[in-house]
């Protein structure tokens, strides 16, 4: 499975993709991010001089209130991948931290954190063929993020490429579990909008985008 600049790692339906915008983003507060697709309930109160009446309007049942929680998101180079043994990842890799994938099917040995969710400028839930989160990096953090991406693109010792592919992979780690681990298929990925996918639903994409945005 391949897409511009990035190919998904085997074993996960996940893509980290370069978008069409370029030149980075302004170094602005993530709290100003506009997230598409987020639904909310609303309550309105009306009053008059002749009577005190409170009316409440609710959205259709199809709308969902998203209660976003702050998450810890890290981007870390992948050192090795393997299957869990007896529910643990102790046997995977010779170095780094060992983490389970979100679905528990794979184990990843990962290197130090390259950059975090705090270094992101915008995050927006979008729907094309599937739900995803489009992300830009703060202008002041683009070089740092590109150092992480480019180490994997080059497939060096700090982010080695598997024997079947020429580029290393970057693990997108959410609250200590690997959401996805796509191979970096192009240089300077942080200079453009990139996309996080991984079997996201409308609600989970919106929640993730809202959490990343503030």
Foldseek 3Di string as FASTA:
>chain_A
DDDAQWFFDPPFPKTKHFDDDFQFDAQDALLVADAPLAFAWDFDADQDPVGGDGDGDGDPPVHDHADADAWKKFKWAFQWKDADDPLDQVPTDDDADWFAAPVRGMITHTHDTQDILRQWRAWYWDDDPHTKIKTAGHPVCLVSVLVRLVCQCCQDNNHHDPPVDRGGWIFTAIRRHGQGIMTRRDGSSNRGIIIIDGPDDSRRSRSVRNNSSD
